[in-house]
């Protein structure tokens, strides 16, 4: 058994996720990676963060994804007013 690390992480994620435009909680990463591979985990992560279905990731598409992920205003915490 564990000491509740995943439960604590999920509670924290649920508490702060609304502050971000894109977010993803990957659970059981080791098991999912061994079962489906890292590429599938990456697709899940990107699909959730970018809110779009990425079927095929070509070189040109990777450049677009990279620019969207690292665009400062897109994925930094939302400012409260």
Foldseek 3Di string as FASTA:
>chain_A
DDDCPLVVVVVVCVVQVVQWQFFDDDPPVVVCCVVPNPVVVVQRRLCRRVVHHDDDQDPVNVVVSVCQVPVVVHTDTHDDD
